[in-house]
Amino acid sequence: MSYTTHSAASRHSAASAHRGSILDRITSLFALWRSRAVLGSLDAHRLEDIGISAEKAAREARKAPWDVPAHWTM
């Protein structure tokens, strides 16, 4: 049985590669901001169509652009 260790540098580079380039991250943040803005502009009928309450939509629309989903920071 072999045992392999991973240095902190290799773990960091693997994590950085997983997150993508800075341009990819900025593009994703812009898309998230735009999606939240659209969500905040939907009327009650459309929110009902997608199964989201007006309160939940308003709360999501008010979030800051850097308040990203947890799986983005892994």
N, C-alpha and C. Protein backbone atom coordinates (compact mmCIF):
# COMPACT_ATOMS: atom_id res chain seq x y z
N MET A 1 0.85 -1.18 0.00
CA MET A 1 0.00 0.00 0.00
C MET A 1 0.89 1.23 0.00
N SER A 2 0.60 2.16 -0.88
CA SER A 2 1.40 3.38 -0.94
C SER A 2 0.65 4.53 -0.29
N TYR A 3 1.41 5.47 0.22
CA TYR A 3 0.83 6.63 0.89
C TYR A 3 1.37 7.87 0.21
N THR A 4 0.49 8.71 -0.26
CA THR A 4 0.88 9.93 -0.96
C THR A 4 0.46 11.13 -0.14
N THR A 5 1.37 12.07 0.02
CA THR A 5 1.03 13.32 0.70
C THR A 5 0.91 14.43 -0.32
N HIS A 6 0.08 15.38 -0.01
CA HIS A 6 -0.10 16.53 -0.90
C HIS A 6 0.34 17.78 -0.15
N SER A 7 1.19 18.56 -0.78
CA SER A 7 1.66 19.78 -0.15
C SER A 7 0.56 20.82 -0.15
N ALA A 8 0.72 21.82 0.71
CA ALA A 8 -0.25 22.92 0.76
C ALA A 8 -0.30 23.65 -0.58
N ALA A 9 0.84 23.77 -1.25
CA ALA A 9 0.87 24.45 -2.54
C ALA A 9 0.07 23.69 -3.59
N SER A 10 0.19 22.37 -3.62
CA SER A 10 -0.58 21.61 -4.61
C SER A 10 -2.06 21.64 -4.31
N ARG A 11 -2.44 21.64 -3.02
CA ARG A 11 -3.86 21.75 -2.66
C ARG A 11 -4.39 23.11 -3.06
N HIS A 12 -3.59 24.17 -2.85
CA HIS A 12 -4.01 25.52 -3.21
C HIS A 12 -4.20 25.65 -4.71
N SER A 13 -3.25 25.13 -5.49
CA SER A 13 -3.38 25.24 -6.94
C SER A 13 -4.56 24.44 -7.45
N ALA A 14 -4.84 23.30 -6.84
CA ALA A 14 -6.01 22.52 -7.25
C ALA A 14 -7.29 23.28 -6.93
N ALA A 15 -7.35 23.93 -5.78
CA ALA A 15 -8.53 24.71 -5.41
C ALA A 15 -8.69 25.90 -6.34
N SER A 16 -7.59 26.55 -6.69
CA SER A 16 -7.65 27.70 -7.61
C SER A 16 -8.13 27.27 -8.98
N ALA A 17 -7.66 26.13 -9.45
CA ALA A 17 -8.09 25.64 -10.76
C ALA A 17 -9.57 25.31 -10.74
N HIS A 18 -10.06 24.81 -9.63
CA HIS A 18 -11.48 24.47 -9.51
C HIS A 18 -12.34 25.72 -9.60
N ARG A 19 -11.90 26.82 -9.04
CA ARG A 19 -12.69 28.06 -9.02
C ARG A 19 -12.68 28.79 -10.35
N GLY A 20 -11.71 28.56 -11.18
CA GLY A 20 -11.64 29.23 -12.47
C GLY A 20 -10.85 30.53 -12.41
N SER A 21 -10.74 31.17 -13.54
CA SER A 21 -9.98 32.40 -13.64
C SER A 21 -10.73 33.57 -13.00
N ILE A 22 -10.02 34.65 -12.80
CA ILE A 22 -10.64 35.84 -12.22
C ILE A 22 -11.74 36.36 -13.15
N LEU A 23 -11.54 36.28 -14.44
CA LEU A 23 -12.57 36.71 -15.39
C LEU A 23 -13.82 35.85 -15.26
N ASP A 24 -13.63 34.53 -15.10
CA ASP A 24 -14.78 33.63 -14.89
C ASP A 24 -15.54 34.00 -13.62
N ARG A 25 -14.81 34.32 -12.58
CA ARG A 25 -15.45 34.67 -11.30
C ARG A 25 -16.21 35.99 -11.41
N ILE A 26 -15.63 36.97 -12.09
CA ILE A 26 -16.31 38.26 -12.27
C ILE A 26 -17.56 38.07 -13.12
N THR A 27 -17.44 37.28 -14.17
CA THR A 27 -18.60 37.00 -15.03
C THR A 27 -19.71 36.32 -14.23
N SER A 28 -19.34 35.39 -13.39
CA SER A 28 -20.33 34.70 -12.55
C SER A 28 -21.00 35.65 -11.56
N LEU A 29 -20.22 36.54 -10.96
CA LEU A 29 -20.79 37.52 -10.03
C LEU A 29 -21.77 38.45 -10.74
N PHE A 30 -21.41 38.87 -11.95
CA PHE A 30 -22.31 39.73 -12.71
C PHE A 30 -23.60 39.00 -13.06
N ALA A 31 -23.49 37.74 -13.46
CA ALA A 31 -24.68 36.95 -13.78
C ALA A 31 -25.56 36.77 -12.55
N LEU A 32 -24.95 36.54 -11.39
CA LEU A 32 -25.71 36.41 -10.15
C LEU A 32 -26.42 37.71 -9.81
N TRP A 33 -25.73 38.83 -9.95
CA TRP A 33 -26.33 40.14 -9.69
C TRP A 33 -27.52 40.38 -10.61
N ARG A 34 -27.33 40.07 -11.90
CA ARG A 34 -28.40 40.26 -12.88
C ARG A 34 -29.60 39.35 -12.58
N SER A 35 -29.34 38.11 -12.22
CA SER A 35 -30.42 37.17 -11.89
C SER A 35 -31.21 37.64 -10.68
N ARG A 36 -30.50 38.15 -9.68
CA ARG A 36 -31.19 38.66 -8.49
C ARG A 36 -32.03 39.88 -8.82
N ALA A 37 -31.53 40.73 -9.71
CA ALA A 37 -32.30 41.91 -10.10
C ALA A 37 -33.58 41.50 -10.82
N VAL A 38 -33.48 40.53 -11.70
CA VAL A 38 -34.66 40.05 -12.42
C VAL A 38 -35.64 39.40 -11.44
N LEU A 39 -35.13 38.60 -10.54
CA LEU A 39 -35.98 37.96 -9.53
C LEU A 39 -36.75 39.00 -8.73
N GLY A 40 -36.07 40.08 -8.37
CA GLY A 40 -36.72 41.14 -7.61
C GLY A 40 -37.77 41.89 -8.39
N SER A 41 -37.73 41.80 -9.71
CA SER A 41 -38.70 42.53 -10.53
C SER A 41 -39.92 41.69 -10.93
N LEU A 42 -39.92 40.41 -10.60
CA LEU A 42 -41.04 39.55 -11.00
C LEU A 42 -42.29 39.85 -10.17
N ASP A 43 -43.44 39.77 -10.83
CA ASP A 43 -44.69 39.98 -10.10
C ASP A 43 -45.10 38.69 -9.38
N ALA A 44 -46.11 38.79 -8.53
CA ALA A 44 -46.54 37.68 -7.68
C ALA A 44 -46.95 36.46 -8.50
N HIS A 45 -47.60 36.69 -9.64
CA HIS A 45 -48.04 35.57 -10.48
C HIS A 45 -46.84 34.78 -11.01
N ARG A 46 -45.83 35.47 -11.49
CA ARG A 46 -44.64 34.78 -12.02
C ARG A 46 -43.86 34.10 -10.90
N LEU A 47 -43.80 34.72 -9.73
CA LEU A 47 -43.12 34.08 -8.60
C LEU A 47 -43.85 32.80 -8.21
N GLU A 48 -45.17 32.84 -8.24
CA GLU A 48 -45.96 31.64 -7.95
C GLU A 48 -45.67 30.54 -8.96
N ASP A 49 -45.48 30.92 -10.23
CA ASP A 49 -45.17 29.95 -11.29
C ASP A 49 -43.88 29.19 -11.00
N ILE A 50 -42.90 29.87 -10.40
CA ILE A 50 -41.62 29.20 -10.13
C ILE A 50 -41.52 28.71 -8.69
N GLY A 51 -42.59 28.90 -7.92
CA GLY A 51 -42.63 28.35 -6.57
C GLY A 51 -41.84 29.10 -5.53
N ILE A 52 -41.74 30.42 -5.68
CA ILE A 52 -41.00 31.24 -4.72
C ILE A 52 -41.94 32.31 -4.17
N SER A 53 -41.91 32.49 -2.86
CA SER A 53 -42.75 33.51 -2.26
C SER A 53 -42.17 34.90 -2.54
N ALA A 54 -43.01 35.91 -2.47
CA ALA A 54 -42.57 37.28 -2.70
C ALA A 54 -41.53 37.69 -1.65
N GLU A 55 -41.72 37.23 -0.42
CA GLU A 55 -40.77 37.58 0.66
C GLU A 55 -39.39 36.97 0.39
N LYS A 56 -39.38 35.70 -0.02
CA LYS A 56 -38.11 35.04 -0.31
C LYS A 56 -37.42 35.68 -1.51
N ALA A 57 -38.18 36.03 -2.53
CA ALA A 57 -37.61 36.69 -3.71
C ALA A 57 -37.03 38.05 -3.34
N ALA A 58 -37.74 38.81 -2.53
CA ALA A 58 -37.24 40.12 -2.12
C ALA A 58 -35.96 39.99 -1.29
N ARG A 59 -35.93 38.99 -0.41
CA ARG A 59 -34.74 38.76 0.42
C ARG A 59 -33.54 38.40 -0.45
N GLU A 60 -33.76 37.54 -1.44
CA GLU A 60 -32.67 37.16 -2.34
C GLU A 60 -32.23 38.35 -3.19
N ALA A 61 -33.15 39.14 -3.67
CA ALA A 61 -32.83 40.29 -4.52
C ALA A 61 -32.03 41.35 -3.77
N ARG A 62 -32.20 41.44 -2.46
CA ARG A 62 -31.48 42.44 -1.66
C ARG A 62 -30.06 42.02 -1.30
N LYS A 63 -29.70 40.77 -1.54
CA LYS A 63 -28.36 40.30 -1.17
C LYS A 63 -27.29 41.03 -1.98
N ALA A 64 -26.15 41.23 -1.34
CA ALA A 64 -25.01 41.86 -2.01
C ALA A 64 -24.42 40.92 -3.06
N PRO A 65 -23.82 41.45 -4.10
CA PRO A 65 -23.24 40.60 -5.15
C PRO A 65 -22.19 39.62 -4.62
N TRP A 66 -21.47 39.98 -3.58
CA TRP A 66 -20.43 39.10 -3.04
C TRP A 66 -21.00 38.06 -2.06
N ASP A 67 -22.29 38.13 -1.79
CA ASP A 67 -22.95 37.12 -0.95
C ASP A 67 -23.35 35.97 -1.86
N VAL A 68 -22.38 35.09 -2.12
CA VAL A 68 -22.56 34.02 -3.10
C VAL A 68 -22.99 32.72 -2.44
N PRO A 69 -23.53 31.80 -3.22
CA PRO A 69 -23.89 30.48 -2.67
C PRO A 69 -22.67 29.78 -2.07
N ALA A 70 -22.87 29.00 -1.03
CA ALA A 70 -21.77 28.34 -0.32
C ALA A 70 -20.91 27.47 -1.23
N HIS A 71 -21.52 26.80 -2.20
CA HIS A 71 -20.72 25.90 -3.05
C HIS A 71 -19.74 26.67 -3.95
N TRP A 72 -19.89 27.99 -4.08
CA TRP A 72 -18.93 28.77 -4.86
C TRP A 72 -17.62 28.98 -4.11
N THR A 73 -17.65 28.91 -2.80
CA THR A 73 -16.46 29.20 -2.00
C THR A 73 -15.66 27.96 -1.66
N MET A 74 -16.10 26.80 -2.08
CA MET A 74 -15.39 25.55 -1.77
C MET A 74 -14.24 25.34 -2.69
